Amino acid sequence: GLKTASTSVCRQFTVISRISGDAEFNKLTWDLDHVEKIGK
């Protein structure tokens, strides 16, 4: 759902999350243009 729902509207989506207020942020992005460019 996260992936197919997001890309039905946009070509790039990012998730940023943390498990507590003093924990570090964790960030990853799917960019369809990047996937097309490198083919992976």
PDB file of all heavy atoms in Angstrom:
ATOM      1  N   GLY A   1       0.788  -1.225   0.000  1.00  0.00           N
ATOM      2  CA  GLY A   1       0.000   0.000   0.000  1.00  0.00           C
ATOM      3  C   GLY A   1       0.820   1.274   0.000  1.00  0.00           C
ATOM      4  O   GLY A   1       0.551   2.184  -0.796  1.00  0.00           O
ATOM      5  N   LEU A   2       1.813   1.380   0.865  1.00  0.00           N
ATOM      6  CA  LEU A   2       2.628   2.589   0.942  1.00  0.00           C
ATOM      7  C   LEU A   2       3.233   2.917  -0.417  1.00  0.00           C
ATOM      8  O   LEU A   2       3.231   4.071  -0.858  1.00  0.00           O
ATOM      9  CB  LEU A   2       3.732   2.403   1.989  1.00  0.00           C
ATOM     10  CG  LEU A   2       4.850   3.453   2.009  1.00  0.00           C
ATOM     11  CD1 LEU A   2       4.288   4.813   2.389  1.00  0.00           C
ATOM     12  CD2 LEU A   2       5.959   3.029   2.969  1.00  0.00           C
ATOM     13  N   LYS A   3       3.748   1.897  -1.100  1.00  0.00           N
ATOM     14  CA  LYS A   3       4.452   2.105  -2.363  1.00  0.00           C
ATOM     15  C   LYS A   3       3.495   2.357  -3.524  1.00  0.00           C
ATOM     16  O   LYS A   3       3.625   3.347  -4.251  1.00  0.00           O
ATOM     17  CB  LYS A   3       5.328   0.895  -2.674  1.00  0.00           C
ATOM     18  CG  LYS A   3       6.620   0.822  -1.856  1.00  0.00           C
ATOM     19  CD  LYS A   3       6.431   0.425  -0.399  1.00  0.00           C
ATOM     20  CE  LYS A   3       5.886  -0.976  -0.237  1.00  0.00           C
ATOM     21  NZ  LYS A   3       5.795  -1.375   1.201  1.00  0.00           N
ATOM     22  N   THR A   4       2.514   1.466  -3.709  1.00  0.00           N
ATOM     23  CA  THR A   4       1.622   1.597  -4.857  1.00  0.00           C
ATOM     24  C   THR A   4       0.700   2.809  -4.720  1.00  0.00           C
ATOM     25  O   THR A   4       0.395   3.489  -5.704  1.00  0.00           O
ATOM     26  CB  THR A   4       0.783   0.320  -5.045  1.00  0.00           C
ATOM     27  OG1 THR A   4       0.097   0.008  -3.823  1.00  0.00           O
ATOM     28  CG2 THR A   4       1.671  -0.848  -5.436  1.00  0.00           C
ATOM     29  N   ALA A   5       0.244   3.092  -3.494  1.00  0.00           N
ATOM     30  CA  ALA A   5      -0.600   4.268  -3.289  1.00  0.00           C
ATOM     31  C   ALA A   5       0.188   5.542  -3.581  1.00  0.00           C
ATOM     32  O   ALA A   5      -0.290   6.450  -4.269  1.00  0.00           O
ATOM     33  CB  ALA A   5      -1.138   4.287  -1.864  1.00  0.00           C
ATOM     34  N   SER A   6       1.409   5.621  -3.064  1.00  0.00           N
ATOM     35  CA  SER A   6       2.219   6.832  -3.248  1.00  0.00           C
ATOM     36  C   SER A   6       2.543   7.068  -4.718  1.00  0.00           C
ATOM     37  O   SER A   6       2.341   8.170  -5.247  1.00  0.00           O
ATOM     38  CB  SER A   6       3.511   6.724  -2.435  1.00  0.00           C
ATOM     39  OG  SER A   6       3.242   6.634  -1.051  1.00  0.00           O
ATOM     40  N   THR A   7       3.031   6.054  -5.395  1.00  0.00           N
ATOM     41  CA  THR A   7       3.453   6.255  -6.786  1.00  0.00           C
ATOM     42  C   THR A   7       2.274   6.404  -7.742  1.00  0.00           C
ATOM     43  O   THR A   7       2.464   6.815  -8.893  1.00  0.00           O
ATOM     44  CB  THR A   7       4.362   5.104  -7.266  1.00  0.00           C
ATOM     45  OG1 THR A   7       3.671   3.847  -7.123  1.00  0.00           O
ATOM     46  CG2 THR A   7       5.650   5.063  -6.459  1.00  0.00           C
ATOM     47  N   SER A   8       1.064   6.093  -7.288  1.00  0.00           N
ATOM     48  CA  SER A   8      -0.097   6.371  -8.142  1.00  0.00           C
ATOM     49  C   SER A   8      -0.326   7.863  -8.284  1.00  0.00           C
ATOM     50  O   SER A   8      -0.988   8.304  -9.221  1.00  0.00           O
ATOM     51  CB  SER A   8      -1.348   5.698  -7.567  1.00  0.00           C
ATOM     52  OG  SER A   8      -1.789   6.361  -6.389  1.00  0.00           O
ATOM     53  N   VAL A   9       0.252   8.648  -7.364  1.00  0.00           N
ATOM     54  CA  VAL A   9       0.071  10.100  -7.353  1.00  0.00           C
ATOM     55  C   VAL A   9       1.362  10.833  -7.704  1.00  0.00           C
ATOM     56  O   VAL A   9       1.334  11.867  -8.365  1.00  0.00           O
ATOM     57  CB  VAL A   9      -0.435  10.564  -5.966  1.00  0.00           C
ATOM     58  CG1 VAL A   9      -0.510  12.080  -5.873  1.00  0.00           C
ATOM     59  CG2 VAL A   9      -1.800   9.946  -5.656  1.00  0.00           C
ATOM     60  N   CYS A  10       2.503  10.291  -7.262  1.00  0.00           N
ATOM     61  CA  CYS A  10       3.760  11.024  -7.422  1.00  0.00           C
ATOM     62  C   CYS A  10       4.866  10.109  -7.943  1.00  0.00           C
ATOM     63  O   CYS A  10       4.762   8.887  -7.918  1.00  0.00           O
ATOM     64  CB  CYS A  10       4.175  11.638  -6.082  1.00  0.00           C
ATOM     65  SG  CYS A  10       4.611  10.405  -4.819  1.00  0.00           S
ATOM     66  N   ARG A  11       5.964  10.727  -8.388  1.00  0.00           N
ATOM     67  CA  ARG A  11       7.114   9.961  -8.889  1.00  0.00           C
ATOM     68  C   ARG A  11       8.222   9.846  -7.842  1.00  0.00           C
ATOM     69  O   ARG A  11       9.234   9.192  -8.070  1.00  0.00           O
ATOM     70  CB  ARG A  11       7.677  10.605 -10.160  1.00  0.00           C
ATOM     71  CG  ARG A  11       6.716  10.568 -11.340  1.00  0.00           C
ATOM     72  CD  ARG A  11       7.402  10.974 -12.633  1.00  0.00           C
ATOM     73  NE  ARG A  11       8.517  10.102 -12.962  1.00  0.00           N
ATOM     74  CZ  ARG A  11       8.401   8.908 -13.556  1.00  0.00           C
ATOM     75  NH1 ARG A  11       7.191   8.436 -13.858  1.00  0.00           N
ATOM     76  NH2 ARG A  11       9.482   8.206 -13.840  1.00  0.00           N
ATOM     77  N   GLN A  12       8.031  10.480  -6.702  1.00  0.00           N
ATOM     78  CA  GLN A  12       9.032  10.381  -5.637  1.00  0.00           C
ATOM     79  C   GLN A  12       8.333  10.485  -4.293  1.00  0.00           C
ATOM     80  O   GLN A  12       7.481  11.343  -4.088  1.00  0.00           O
ATOM     81  CB  GLN A  12      10.057  11.503  -5.772  1.00  0.00           C
ATOM     82  CG  GLN A  12      11.097  11.537  -4.651  1.00  0.00           C
ATOM     83  CD  GLN A  12      12.138  12.624  -4.860  1.00  0.00           C
ATOM     84  OE1 GLN A  12      12.922  12.573  -5.800  1.00  0.00           O
ATOM     85  NE2 GLN A  12      12.136  13.625  -3.982  1.00  0.00           N
ATOM     86  N   PHE A  13       8.650   9.567  -3.393  1.00  0.00           N
ATOM     87  CA  PHE A  13       8.100   9.679  -2.048  1.00  0.00           C
ATOM     88  C   PHE A  13       9.164   9.287  -1.032  1.00  0.00           C
ATOM     89  O   PHE A  13      10.031   8.451  -1.293  1.00  0.00           O
ATOM     90  CB  PHE A  13       6.824   8.849  -1.871  1.00  0.00           C
ATOM     91  CG  PHE A  13       7.023   7.357  -1.885  1.00  0.00           C
ATOM     92  CD1 PHE A  13       7.146   6.642  -0.700  1.00  0.00           C
ATOM     93  CD2 PHE A  13       7.073   6.659  -3.086  1.00  0.00           C
ATOM     94  CE1 PHE A  13       7.323   5.268  -0.704  1.00  0.00           C
ATOM     95  CE2 PHE A  13       7.250   5.288  -3.101  1.00  0.00           C
ATOM     96  CZ  PHE A  13       7.368   4.586  -1.914  1.00  0.00           C
ATOM     97  N   THR A  14       9.072   9.926   0.129  1.00  0.00           N
ATOM     98  CA  THR A  14      10.081   9.788   1.179  1.00  0.00           C
ATOM     99  C   THR A  14       9.403   9.411   2.487  1.00  0.00           C
ATOM    100  O   THR A  14       8.307   9.897   2.789  1.00  0.00           O
ATOM    101  CB  THR A  14      10.839  11.112   1.360  1.00  0.00           C
ATOM    102  OG1 THR A  14      11.518  11.432   0.138  1.00  0.00           O
ATOM    103  CG2 THR A  14      11.850  11.027   2.497  1.00  0.00           C
ATOM    104  N   VAL A  15      10.056   8.544   3.248  1.00  0.00           N
ATOM    105  CA  VAL A  15       9.595   8.203   4.585  1.00  0.00           C
ATOM    106  C   VAL A  15      10.667   8.629   5.586  1.00  0.00           C
ATOM    107  O   VAL A  15      11.845   8.290   5.446  1.00  0.00           O
ATOM    108  CB  VAL A  15       9.312   6.696   4.728  1.00  0.00           C
ATOM    109  CG1 VAL A  15       9.031   6.334   6.190  1.00  0.00           C
ATOM    110  CG2 VAL A  15       8.130   6.298   3.859  1.00  0.00           C
ATOM    111  N   ILE A  16      10.265   9.413   6.594  1.00  0.00           N
ATOM    112  CA  ILE A  16      11.140   9.831   7.681  1.00  0.00           C
ATOM    113  C   ILE A  16      10.483   9.395   8.980  1.00  0.00           C
ATOM    114  O   ILE A  16       9.317   9.711   9.224  1.00  0.00           O
ATOM    115  CB  ILE A  16      11.344  11.361   7.681  1.00  0.00           C
ATOM    116  CG1 ILE A  16      11.931  11.821   6.340  1.00  0.00           C
ATOM    117  CG2 ILE A  16      12.233  11.790   8.836  1.00  0.00           C
ATOM    118  CD1 ILE A  16      11.969  13.328   6.179  1.00  0.00           C
ATOM    119  N   SER A  17      11.216   8.683   9.830  1.00  0.00           N
ATOM    120  CA  SER A  17      10.596   8.146  11.041  1.00  0.00           C
ATOM    121  C   SER A  17      11.606   8.080  12.173  1.00  0.00           C
ATOM    122  O   SER A  17      12.819   8.030  11.952  1.00  0.00           O
ATOM    123  CB  SER A  17      10.034   6.746  10.748  1.00  0.00           C
ATOM    124  OG  SER A  17       9.241   6.283  11.812  1.00  0.00           O
ATOM    125  N   ARG A  18      11.063   8.068  13.405  1.00  0.00           N
ATOM    126  CA  ARG A  18      11.903   7.854  14.586  1.00  0.00           C
ATOM    127  C   ARG A  18      11.055   7.212  15.676  1.00  0.00           C
ATOM    128  O   ARG A  18       9.835   7.376  15.712  1.00  0.00           O
ATOM    129  CB  ARG A  18      12.531   9.155  15.076  1.00  0.00           C
ATOM    130  CG  ARG A  18      11.546  10.160  15.634  1.00  0.00           C
ATOM    131  CD  ARG A  18      12.257  11.433  16.052  1.00  0.00           C
ATOM    132  NE  ARG A  18      11.325  12.447  16.553  1.00  0.00           N
ATOM    133  CZ  ARG A  18      11.649  13.718  16.773  1.00  0.00           C
ATOM    134  NH1 ARG A  18      12.901  14.122  16.543  1.00  0.00           N
ATOM    135  NH2 ARG A  18      10.753  14.572  17.215  1.00  0.00           N
ATOM    136  N   ILE A  19      11.711   6.489  16.572  1.00  0.00           N
ATOM    137  CA  ILE A  19      10.986   5.719  17.584  1.00  0.00           C
ATOM    138  C   ILE A  19      10.844   6.464  18.910  1.00  0.00           C
ATOM    139  O   ILE A  19      10.133   5.995  19.801  1.00  0.00           O
ATOM    140  CB  ILE A  19      11.659   4.355  17.814  1.00  0.00           C
ATOM    141  CG1 ILE A  19      13.120   4.534  18.226  1.00  0.00           C
ATOM    142  CG2 ILE A  19      11.563   3.499  16.565  1.00  0.00           C
ATOM    143  CD1 ILE A  19      13.816   3.225  18.596  1.00  0.00           C
ATOM    144  N   SER A  20      11.482   7.603  19.042  1.00  0.00           N
ATOM    145  CA  SER A  20      11.326   8.427  20.249  1.00  0.00           C
ATOM    146  C   SER A  20      11.853   9.820  19.960  1.00  0.00           C
ATOM    147  O   SER A  20      12.532  10.051  18.945  1.00  0.00           O
ATOM    148  CB  SER A  20      12.083   7.810  21.437  1.00  0.00           C
ATOM    149  OG  SER A  20      13.481   7.861  21.218  1.00  0.00           O
ATOM    150  N   GLY A  21      11.553  10.750  20.879  1.00  0.00           N
ATOM    151  CA  GLY A  21      11.959  12.130  20.669  1.00  0.00           C
ATOM    152  C   GLY A  21      13.458  12.331  20.664  1.00  0.00           C
ATOM    153  O   GLY A  21      13.962  13.265  20.026  1.00  0.00           O
ATOM    154  N   ASP A  22      14.189  11.463  21.365  1.00  0.00           N
ATOM    155  CA  ASP A  22      15.645  11.628  21.400  1.00  0.00           C
ATOM    156  C   ASP A  22      16.368  10.656  20.485  1.00  0.00           C
ATOM    157  O   ASP A  22      17.597  10.581  20.497  1.00  0.00           O
ATOM    158  CB  ASP A  22      16.157  11.477  22.836  1.00  0.00           C
ATOM    159  CG  ASP A  22      15.732  10.161  23.478  1.00  0.00           C
ATOM    160  OD1 ASP A  22      15.080   9.343  22.787  1.00  0.00           O
ATOM    161  OD2 ASP A  22      16.036   9.966  24.673  1.00  0.00           O
ATOM    162  N   ALA A  23      15.619   9.899  19.668  1.00  0.00           N
ATOM    163  CA  ALA A  23      16.240   8.968  18.720  1.00  0.00           C
ATOM    164  C   ALA A  23      16.538   9.700  17.416  1.00  0.00           C
ATOM    165  O   ALA A  23      15.949  10.740  17.104  1.00  0.00           O
ATOM    166  CB  ALA A  23      15.312   7.783  18.461  1.00  0.00           C
ATOM    167  N   GLU A  24      17.446   9.139  16.630  1.00  0.00           N
ATOM    168  CA  GLU A  24      17.793   9.768  15.368  1.00  0.00           C
ATOM    169  C   GLU A  24      16.718   9.510  14.312  1.00  0.00           C
ATOM    170  O   GLU A  24      15.946   8.559  14.404  1.00  0.00           O
ATOM    171  CB  GLU A  24      19.135   9.240  14.862  1.00  0.00           C
ATOM    172  CG  GLU A  24      19.140   7.757  14.539  1.00  0.00           C
ATOM    173  CD  GLU A  24      20.493   7.268  14.040  1.00  0.00           C
ATOM    174  OE1 GLU A  24      21.499   7.969  14.269  1.00  0.00           O
ATOM    175  OE2 GLU A  24      20.530   6.191  13.433  1.00  0.00           O
ATOM    176  N   PHE A  25      16.634  10.401  13.326  1.00  0.00           N
ATOM    177  CA  PHE A  25      15.710  10.213  12.210  1.00  0.00           C
ATOM    178  C   PHE A  25      16.236   9.139  11.265  1.00  0.00           C
ATOM    179  O   PHE A  25      17.453   8.985  11.082  1.00  0.00           O
ATOM    180  CB  PHE A  25      15.555  11.519  11.421  1.00  0.00           C
ATOM    181  CG  PHE A  25      14.725  12.551  12.128  1.00  0.00           C
ATOM    182  CD1 PHE A  25      15.317  13.701  12.635  1.00  0.00           C
ATOM    183  CD2 PHE A  25      13.354  12.390  12.275  1.00  0.00           C
ATOM    184  CE1 PHE A  25      14.558  14.671  13.274  1.00  0.00           C
ATOM    185  CE2 PHE A  25      12.583  13.358  12.913  1.00  0.00           C
ATOM    186  CZ  PHE A  25      13.185  14.493  13.419  1.00  0.00           C
ATOM    187  N   ASN A  26      15.324   8.424  10.648  1.00  0.00           N
ATOM    188  CA  ASN A  26      15.657   7.426   9.634  1.00  0.00           C
ATOM    189  C   ASN A  26      14.892   7.780   8.370  1.00  0.00           C
ATOM    190  O   ASN A  26      13.666   7.961   8.405  1.00  0.00           O
ATOM    191  CB  ASN A  26      15.264   6.028  10.116  1.00  0.00           C
ATOM    192  CG  ASN A  26      15.905   5.683  11.445  1.00  0.00           C
ATOM    193  OD1 ASN A  26      17.092   5.411  11.511  1.00  0.00           O
ATOM    194  ND2 ASN A  26      15.116   5.726  12.517  1.00  0.00           N
ATOM    195  N   LYS A  27      15.616   7.895   7.262  1.00  0.00           N
ATOM    196  CA  LYS A  27      15.012   8.431   6.035  1.00  0.00           C
ATOM    197  C   LYS A  27      15.415   7.608   4.821  1.00  0.00           C
ATOM    198  O   LYS A  27      16.584   7.278   4.649  1.00  0.00           O
ATOM    199  CB  LYS A  27      15.454   9.885   5.842  1.00  0.00           C
ATOM    200  CG  LYS A  27      15.007  10.518   4.519  1.00  0.00           C
ATOM    201  CD  LYS A  27      15.573  11.921   4.385  1.00  0.00           C
ATOM    202  CE  LYS A  27      15.259  12.527   3.028  1.00  0.00           C
ATOM    203  NZ  LYS A  27      15.846  13.872   2.846  1.00  0.00           N
ATOM    204  N   LEU A  28      14.414   7.272   3.985  1.00  0.00           N
ATOM    205  CA  LEU A  28      14.667   6.619   2.702  1.00  0.00           C
ATOM    206  C   LEU A  28      13.676   7.157   1.677  1.00  0.00           C
ATOM    207  O   LEU A  28      12.566   7.576   2.021  1.00  0.00           O
ATOM    208  CB  LEU A  28      14.517   5.098   2.808  1.00  0.00           C
ATOM    209  CG  LEU A  28      15.647   4.331   3.495  1.00  0.00           C
ATOM    210  CD1 LEU A  28      15.282   2.863   3.671  1.00  0.00           C
ATOM    211  CD2 LEU A  28      16.964   4.478   2.721  1.00  0.00           C
ATOM    212  N   THR A  29      14.090   7.118   0.399  1.00  0.00           N
ATOM    213  CA  THR A  29      13.273   7.663  -0.688  1.00  0.00           C
ATOM    214  C   THR A  29      13.231   6.700  -1.861  1.00  0.00           C
ATOM    215  O   THR A  29      14.246   6.087  -2.216  1.00  0.00           O
ATOM    216  CB  THR A  29      13.862   9.011  -1.170  1.00  0.00           C
ATOM    217  OG1 THR A  29      13.837   9.951  -0.095  1.00  0.00           O
ATOM    218  CG2 THR A  29      13.082   9.562  -2.349  1.00  0.00           C
ATOM    219  N   TRP A  30      12.034   6.551  -2.432  1.00  0.00           N
ATOM    220  CA  TRP A  30      11.901   5.919  -3.741  1.00  0.00           C
ATOM    221  C   TRP A  30      11.712   7.024  -4.765  1.00  0.00           C
ATOM    222  O   TRP A  30      10.785   7.842  -4.657  1.00  0.00           O
ATOM    223  CB  TRP A  30      10.694   4.984  -3.807  1.00  0.00           C
ATOM    224  CG  TRP A  30      10.942   3.590  -3.311  1.00  0.00           C
ATOM    225  CD1 TRP A  30      10.416   3.000  -2.207  1.00  0.00           C
ATOM    226  CD2 TRP A  30      11.749   2.597  -3.938  1.00  0.00           C
ATOM    227  NE1 TRP A  30      10.855   1.704  -2.072  1.00  0.00           N
ATOM    228  CE2 TRP A  30      11.680   1.422  -3.128  1.00  0.00           C
ATOM    229  CE3 TRP A  30      12.547   2.563  -5.082  1.00  0.00           C
ATOM    230  CZ2 TRP A  30      12.361   0.244  -3.436  1.00  0.00           C
ATOM    231  CZ3 TRP A  30      13.231   1.392  -5.399  1.00  0.00           C
ATOM    232  CH2 TRP A  30      13.135   0.252  -4.578  1.00  0.00           C
ATOM    233  N   ASP A  31      12.607   7.061  -5.765  1.00  0.00           N
ATOM    234  CA  ASP A  31      12.537   8.045  -6.839  1.00  0.00           C
ATOM    235  C   ASP A  31      12.466   7.279  -8.158  1.00  0.00           C
ATOM    236  O   ASP A  31      13.429   6.612  -8.554  1.00  0.00           O
ATOM    237  CB  ASP A  31      13.770   8.955  -6.810  1.00  0.00           C
ATOM    238  CG  ASP A  31      13.715  10.079  -7.827  1.00  0.00           C
ATOM    239  OD1 ASP A  31      12.980   9.946  -8.825  1.00  0.00           O
ATOM    240  OD2 ASP A  31      14.400  11.093  -7.626  1.00  0.00           O
ATOM    241  N   LEU A  32      11.308   7.346  -8.831  1.00  0.00           N
ATOM    242  CA  LEU A  32      11.129   6.562 -10.056  1.00  0.00           C
ATOM    243  C   LEU A  32      12.094   6.988 -11.152  1.00  0.00           C
ATOM    244  O   LEU A  32      12.538   6.157 -11.965  1.00  0.00           O
ATOM    245  CB  LEU A  32       9.682   6.687 -10.554  1.00  0.00           C
ATOM    246  CG  LEU A  32       8.688   5.686  -9.969  1.00  0.00           C
ATOM    247  CD1 LEU A  32       8.583   5.808  -8.454  1.00  0.00           C
ATOM    248  CD2 LEU A  32       7.314   5.838 -10.603  1.00  0.00           C
ATOM    249  N   ASP A  33      12.466   8.262 -11.188  1.00  0.00           N
ATOM    250  CA  ASP A  33      13.434   8.733 -12.183  1.00  0.00           C
ATOM    251  C   ASP A  33      14.804   8.094 -11.928  1.00  0.00           C
ATOM    252  O   ASP A  33      15.514   7.735 -12.877  1.00  0.00           O
ATOM    253  CB  ASP A  33      13.548  10.255 -12.134  1.00  0.00           C
ATOM    254  CG  ASP A  33      12.243  10.931 -12.531  1.00  0.00           C
ATOM    255  OD1 ASP A  33      11.509  10.359 -13.370  1.00  0.00           O
ATOM    256  OD2 ASP A  33      11.934  12.012 -11.990  1.00  0.00           O
ATOM    257  N   HIS A  34      15.178   7.951 -10.660  1.00  0.00           N
ATOM    258  CA  HIS A  34      16.451   7.315 -10.313  1.00  0.00           C
ATOM    259  C   HIS A  34      16.448   5.834 -10.708  1.00  0.00           C
ATOM    260  O   HIS A  34      17.428   5.331 -11.273  1.00  0.00           O
ATOM    261  CB  HIS A  34      16.699   7.465  -8.812  1.00  0.00           C
ATOM    262  CG  HIS A  34      17.918   6.762  -8.325  1.00  0.00           C
ATOM    263  ND1 HIS A  34      19.199   7.211  -8.572  1.00  0.00           N
ATOM    264  CD2 HIS A  34      18.066   5.608  -7.588  1.00  0.00           C
ATOM    265  CE1 HIS A  34      20.077   6.398  -8.024  1.00  0.00           C
ATOM    266  NE2 HIS A  34      19.415   5.410  -7.422  1.00  0.00           N
ATOM    267  N   VAL A  35      15.333   5.149 -10.449  1.00  0.00           N
ATOM    268  CA  VAL A  35      15.232   3.728 -10.809  1.00  0.00           C
ATOM    269  C   VAL A  35      15.320   3.556 -12.323  1.00  0.00           C
ATOM    270  O   VAL A  35      15.984   2.638 -12.832  1.00  0.00           O
ATOM    271  CB  VAL A  35      13.917   3.132 -10.262  1.00  0.00           C
ATOM    272  CG1 VAL A  35      13.707   1.703 -10.786  1.00  0.00           C
ATOM    273  CG2 VAL A  35      13.926   3.133  -8.742  1.00  0.00           C
ATOM    274  N   GLU A  36      14.663   4.446 -13.072  1.00  0.00           N
ATOM    275  CA  GLU A  36      14.730   4.374 -14.533  1.00  0.00           C
ATOM    276  C   GLU A  36      16.151   4.615 -15.042  1.00  0.00           C
ATOM    277  O   GLU A  36      16.609   3.957 -15.989  1.00  0.00           O
ATOM    278  CB  GLU A  36      13.785   5.415 -15.143  1.00  0.00           C
ATOM    279  CG  GLU A  36      12.318   5.020 -15.093  1.00  0.00           C
ATOM    280  CD  GLU A  36      11.448   6.003 -15.859  1.00  0.00           C
ATOM    281  OE1 GLU A  36      11.985   7.038 -16.320  1.00  0.00           O
ATOM    282  OE2 GLU A  36      10.244   5.745 -15.985  1.00  0.00           O
ATOM    283  N   LYS A  37      16.858   5.515 -14.378  1.00  0.00           N
ATOM    284  CA  LYS A  37      18.201   5.884 -14.833  1.00  0.00           C
ATOM    285  C   LYS A  37      19.199   4.747 -14.653  1.00  0.00           C
ATOM    286  O   LYS A  37      19.998   4.459 -15.551  1.00  0.00           O
ATOM    287  CB  LYS A  37      18.664   7.126 -14.075  1.00  0.00           C
ATOM    288  CG  LYS A  37      20.042   7.622 -14.481  1.00  0.00           C
ATOM    289  CD  LYS A  37      20.423   8.888 -13.705  1.00  0.00           C
ATOM    290  CE  LYS A  37      21.800   9.378 -14.102  1.00  0.00           C
ATOM    291  NZ  LYS A  37      22.186  10.604 -13.342  1.00  0.00           N
ATOM    292  N   ILE A  38      19.135   4.060 -13.481  1.00  0.00           N
ATOM    293  CA  ILE A  38      20.137   3.022 -13.211  1.00  0.00           C
ATOM    294  C   ILE A  38      19.609   1.613 -13.512  1.00  0.00           C
ATOM    295  O   ILE A  38      20.382   0.653 -13.558  1.00  0.00           O
ATOM    296  CB  ILE A  38      20.628   3.093 -11.758  1.00  0.00           C
ATOM    297  CG1 ILE A  38      19.499   2.702 -10.784  1.00  0.00           C
ATOM    298  CG2 ILE A  38      21.165   4.473 -11.426  1.00  0.00           C
ATOM    299  CD1 ILE A  38      19.993   2.514  -9.372  1.00  0.00           C
ATOM    300  N   GLY A  39      18.276   1.481 -13.697  1.00  0.00           N
ATOM    301  CA  GLY A  39      17.717   0.181 -14.049  1.00  0.00           C
ATOM    302  C   GLY A  39      17.735  -0.827 -12.921  1.00  0.00           C
ATOM    303  O   GLY A  39      17.755  -2.041 -13.173  1.00  0.00           O
ATOM    304  N   LYS A  40      17.745  -0.379 -11.682  1.00  0.00           N
ATOM    305  CA  LYS A  40      17.786  -1.297 -10.538  1.00  0.00           C
ATOM    306  C   LYS A  40      16.789  -0.859  -9.466  1.00  0.00           C
ATOM    307  O   LYS A  40      16.393   0.303  -9.404  1.00  0.00           O
ATOM    308  CB  LYS A  40      19.193  -1.314  -9.924  1.00  0.00           C
ATOM    309  CG  LYS A  40      20.269  -1.878 -10.817  1.00  0.00           C
ATOM    310  CD  LYS A  40      21.630  -1.849 -10.101  1.00  0.00           C
ATOM    311  CE  LYS A  40      22.733  -2.400 -10.988  1.00  0.00           C
ATOM    312  NZ  LYS A  40      24.049  -2.343 -10.291  1.00  0.00           N
TER     313      LYS A  40
END
